[in-house]
Amino acid sequence: MPLNQAAVSGTVETSLQDLGLRLAKVRLSRNLTQARLAQEAGASLPSIKRLEAGRNISLDTFLRVLRALNLGDRILDILPNPEVRPVERVQNEGHERRRARSQPEAPRATDWAWGDGEDQ
């Protein structure tokens, strides 16, 4: 069941705010000013302020900030390792998957109506 766009937006906004707050706490725990973090990350001060306020910034800036806080290697922990497991290699006859198979489209809600297919 697809999520409604407002729910997705709310979730993204909440996540951005949580990330900003956590990064601000990490910065403060290391006794860094926003200006100093900006300098060490090679980012602008307004970008750091936007990040900590939970607003949108570039992925490049986000990664630079993580590296400046010595957290850069931890970003990969959120994604599973894409290495193919031995069982999958056998199932794929030794070939590694290089692209996803297209999925059949689900019928749209407008393609069906009550009484379709019934004898009248």
C-alpha atoms as a PDB file:
ATOM      1  CA  MET A   1       0.000   0.000   0.000  1.00  0.00           C
ATOM      2  CA  PRO A   2       1.628   3.288  -1.052  1.00  0.00           C
ATOM      3  CA  LEU A   3       2.254   5.931   1.579  1.00  0.00           C
ATOM      4  CA  ASN A   4       0.566   9.257   1.207  1.00  0.00           C
ATOM      5  CA  GLN A   5       2.957  12.061   0.211  1.00  0.00           C
ATOM      6  CA  ALA A   6       2.265  14.136   3.347  1.00  0.00           C
ATOM      7  CA  ALA A   7       3.158  11.160   5.561  1.00  0.00           C
ATOM      8  CA  VAL A   8       6.405  10.603   3.660  1.00  0.00           C
ATOM      9  CA  SER A   9       7.240  14.313   3.859  1.00  0.00           C
ATOM     10  CA  GLY A  10       6.562  14.356   7.591  1.00  0.00           C
ATOM     11  CA  THR A  11       8.805  11.363   8.085  1.00  0.00           C
ATOM     12  CA  VAL A  12      11.623  12.926   6.060  1.00  0.00           C
ATOM     13  CA  GLU A  13      11.281  16.244   7.876  1.00  0.00           C
ATOM     14  CA  THR A  14      11.339  14.483  11.241  1.00  0.00           C
ATOM     15  CA  SER A  15      14.427  12.507  10.230  1.00  0.00           C
ATOM     16  CA  LEU A  16      16.203  15.673   9.071  1.00  0.00           C
ATOM     17  CA  GLN A  17      15.431  17.380  12.374  1.00  0.00           C
ATOM     18  CA  ASP A  18      16.632  14.361  14.368  1.00  0.00           C
ATOM     19  CA  LEU A  19      19.852  14.208  12.337  1.00  0.00           C
ATOM     20  CA  GLY A  20      20.434  17.914  12.856  1.00  0.00           C
ATOM     21  CA  LEU A  21      19.930  17.674  16.605  1.00  0.00           C
ATOM     22  CA  ARG A  22      22.200  14.663  16.930  1.00  0.00           C
ATOM     23  CA  LEU A  23      24.954  16.241  14.871  1.00  0.00           C
ATOM     24  CA  ALA A  24      24.706  19.443  16.926  1.00  0.00           C
ATOM     25  CA  LYS A  25      25.087  17.388  20.121  1.00  0.00           C
ATOM     26  CA  VAL A  26      28.110  15.562  18.708  1.00  0.00           C
ATOM     27  CA  ARG A  27      29.647  18.871  17.644  1.00  0.00           C
ATOM     28  CA  LEU A  28      29.096  20.358  21.106  1.00  0.00           C
ATOM     29  CA  SER A  29      30.432  17.241  22.848  1.00  0.00           C
ATOM     30  CA  ARG A  30      33.651  17.795  20.910  1.00  0.00           C
ATOM     31  CA  ASN A  31      33.688  21.466  21.920  1.00  0.00           C
ATOM     32  CA  LEU A  32      33.486  22.696  18.326  1.00  0.00           C
ATOM     33  CA  THR A  33      31.755  25.870  17.228  1.00  0.00           C
ATOM     34  CA  GLN A  34      29.637  25.829  14.095  1.00  0.00           C
ATOM     35  CA  ALA A  35      32.241  28.047  12.444  1.00  0.00           C
ATOM     36  CA  ARG A  36      35.070  25.668  13.358  1.00  0.00           C
ATOM     37  CA  LEU A  37      33.106  22.642  12.095  1.00  0.00           C
ATOM     38  CA  ALA A  38      32.366  24.481   8.855  1.00  0.00           C
ATOM     39  CA  GLN A  39      36.064  25.207   8.431  1.00  0.00           C
ATOM     40  CA  GLU A  40      37.123  21.616   9.171  1.00  0.00           C
ATOM     41  CA  ALA A  41      34.432  20.192   6.897  1.00  0.00           C
ATOM     42  CA  GLY A  42      35.173  22.599   4.057  1.00  0.00           C
ATOM     43  CA  ALA A  43      31.566  23.767   4.168  1.00  0.00           C
ATOM     44  CA  SER A  44      29.912  27.130   4.635  1.00  0.00           C
ATOM     45  CA  LEU A  45      28.632  28.290   8.013  1.00  0.00           C
ATOM     46  CA  PRO A  46      25.075  28.686   6.644  1.00  0.00           C
ATOM     47  CA  SER A  47      25.188  25.032   5.508  1.00  0.00           C
ATOM     48  CA  ILE A  48      26.116  23.895   9.023  1.00  0.00           C
ATOM     49  CA  LYS A  49      23.302  26.022  10.468  1.00  0.00           C
ATOM     50  CA  ARG A  50      20.816  24.552   7.957  1.00  0.00           C
ATOM     51  CA  LEU A  51      21.976  21.025   8.777  1.00  0.00           C
ATOM     52  CA  GLU A  52      21.597  21.507  12.520  1.00  0.00           C
ATOM     53  CA  ALA A  53      18.198  23.158  12.002  1.00  0.00           C
ATOM     54  CA  GLY A  54      16.997  20.045  10.179  1.00  0.00           C
ATOM     55  CA  ARG A  55      16.846  21.654   6.772  1.00  0.00           C
ATOM     56  CA  ASN A  56      17.992  20.229   3.469  1.00  0.00           C
ATOM     57  CA  ILE A  57      21.685  20.317   2.491  1.00  0.00           C
ATOM     58  CA  SER A  58      23.703  18.527  -0.165  1.00  0.00           C
ATOM     59  CA  LEU A  59      24.840  14.958   0.365  1.00  0.00           C
ATOM     60  CA  ASP A  60      28.406  16.130  -0.274  1.00  0.00           C
ATOM     61  CA  THR A  61      28.210  18.619   2.609  1.00  0.00           C
ATOM     62  CA  PHE A  62      26.614  16.025   4.885  1.00  0.00           C
ATOM     63  CA  LEU A  63      29.439  13.558   4.204  1.00  0.00           C
ATOM     64  CA  ARG A  64      32.072  16.263   4.745  1.00  0.00           C
ATOM     65  CA  VAL A  65      30.538  17.101   8.132  1.00  0.00           C
ATOM     66  CA  LEU A  66      30.486  13.428   9.118  1.00  0.00           C
ATOM     67  CA  ARG A  67      34.161  13.104   8.190  1.00  0.00           C
ATOM     68  CA  ALA A  68      35.052  16.251  10.133  1.00  0.00           C
ATOM     69  CA  LEU A  69      33.334  14.708  13.172  1.00  0.00           C
ATOM     70  CA  ASN A  70      35.156  11.379  12.585  1.00  0.00           C
ATOM     71  CA  LEU A  71      31.857   9.675  11.759  1.00  0.00           C
ATOM     72  CA  GLY A  72      32.394   9.271   8.009  1.00  0.00           C
ATOM     73  CA  ASP A  73      32.951   5.517   8.080  1.00  0.00           C
ATOM     74  CA  ARG A  74      29.745   4.911  10.058  1.00  0.00           C
ATOM     75  CA  ILE A  75      27.441   6.069   7.263  1.00  0.00           C
ATOM     76  CA  LEU A  76      27.940   2.749   5.471  1.00  0.00           C
ATOM     77  CA  ASP A  77      26.681   0.867   8.536  1.00  0.00           C
ATOM     78  CA  ILE A  78      23.095   1.748   7.645  1.00  0.00           C
ATOM     79  CA  LEU A  79      23.235  -0.165   4.357  1.00  0.00           C
ATOM     80  CA  PRO A  80      23.645  -3.932   4.077  1.00  0.00           C
ATOM     81  CA  ASN A  81      26.849  -5.178   2.489  1.00  0.00           C
ATOM     82  CA  PRO A  82      26.031  -5.855  -1.170  1.00  0.00           C
ATOM     83  CA  GLU A  83      28.411  -8.807  -1.443  1.00  0.00           C
ATOM     84  CA  VAL A  84      26.673 -11.808  -2.945  1.00  0.00           C
ATOM     85  CA  ARG A  85      26.171 -14.661  -0.516  1.00  0.00           C
ATOM     86  CA  PRO A  86      27.431 -18.109  -1.606  1.00  0.00           C
ATOM     87  CA  VAL A  87      23.872 -19.475  -1.818  1.00  0.00           C
ATOM     88  CA  GLU A  88      22.881 -16.664  -4.190  1.00  0.00           C
ATOM     89  CA  ARG A  89      25.959 -17.310  -6.334  1.00  0.00           C
ATOM     90  CA  VAL A  90      24.889 -20.967  -6.760  1.00  0.00           C
ATOM     91  CA  GLN A  91      21.304 -19.943  -7.526  1.00  0.00           C
ATOM     92  CA  ASN A  92      22.560 -17.438 -10.096  1.00  0.00           C
ATOM     93  CA  GLU A  93      24.873 -20.068 -11.617  1.00  0.00           C
ATOM     94  CA  GLY A  94      28.019 -18.184 -10.636  1.00  0.00           C
ATOM     95  CA  HIS A  95      26.916 -14.864 -12.104  1.00  0.00           C
ATOM     96  CA  GLU A  96      26.622 -11.747 -10.017  1.00  0.00           C
ATOM     97  CA  ARG A  97      23.426  -9.728 -10.426  1.00  0.00           C
ATOM     98  CA  ARG A  98      24.125  -6.533 -12.370  1.00  0.00           C
ATOM     99  CA  ARG A  99      20.620  -5.103 -12.730  1.00  0.00           C
ATOM    100  CA  ALA A 100      17.158  -5.511 -11.287  1.00  0.00           C
ATOM    101  CA  ARG A 101      14.460  -7.389 -13.134  1.00  0.00           C
ATOM    102  CA  SER A 102      11.471  -5.239 -14.071  1.00  0.00           C
ATOM    103  CA  GLN A 103       8.341  -5.912 -12.074  1.00  0.00           C
ATOM    104  CA  PRO A 104       4.916  -6.261 -13.686  1.00  0.00           C
ATOM    105  CA  GLU A 105       2.768  -3.204 -13.114  1.00  0.00           C
ATOM    106  CA  ALA A 106      -0.015  -3.628 -10.595  1.00  0.00           C
ATOM    107  CA  PRO A 107      -3.464  -2.849 -11.985  1.00  0.00           C
ATOM    108  CA  ARG A 108      -4.502   0.712 -11.279  1.00  0.00           C
ATOM    109  CA  ALA A 109      -7.504   1.317  -9.068  1.00  0.00           C
ATOM    110  CA  THR A 110      -9.335   2.971 -11.996  1.00  0.00           C
ATOM    111  CA  ASP A 111      -9.080  -0.207 -14.094  1.00  0.00           C
ATOM    112  CA  TRP A 112     -11.602  -2.007 -11.920  1.00  0.00           C
ATOM    113  CA  ALA A 113     -15.169  -1.246 -10.872  1.00  0.00           C
ATOM    114  CA  TRP A 114     -17.827  -3.047  -8.876  1.00  0.00           C
ATOM    115  CA  GLY A 115     -19.728  -5.441 -11.085  1.00  0.00           C
ATOM    116  CA  ASP A 116     -16.961  -5.941 -13.651  1.00  0.00           C
ATOM    117  CA  GLY A 117     -16.996  -9.484 -14.925  1.00  0.00           C
ATOM    118  CA  GLU A 118     -20.401 -10.331 -13.481  1.00  0.00           C
ATOM    119  CA  ASP A 119     -23.342 -11.489 -15.584  1.00  0.00           C
ATOM    120  CA  GLN A 120     -26.009  -8.843 -15.771  1.00  0.00           C
END
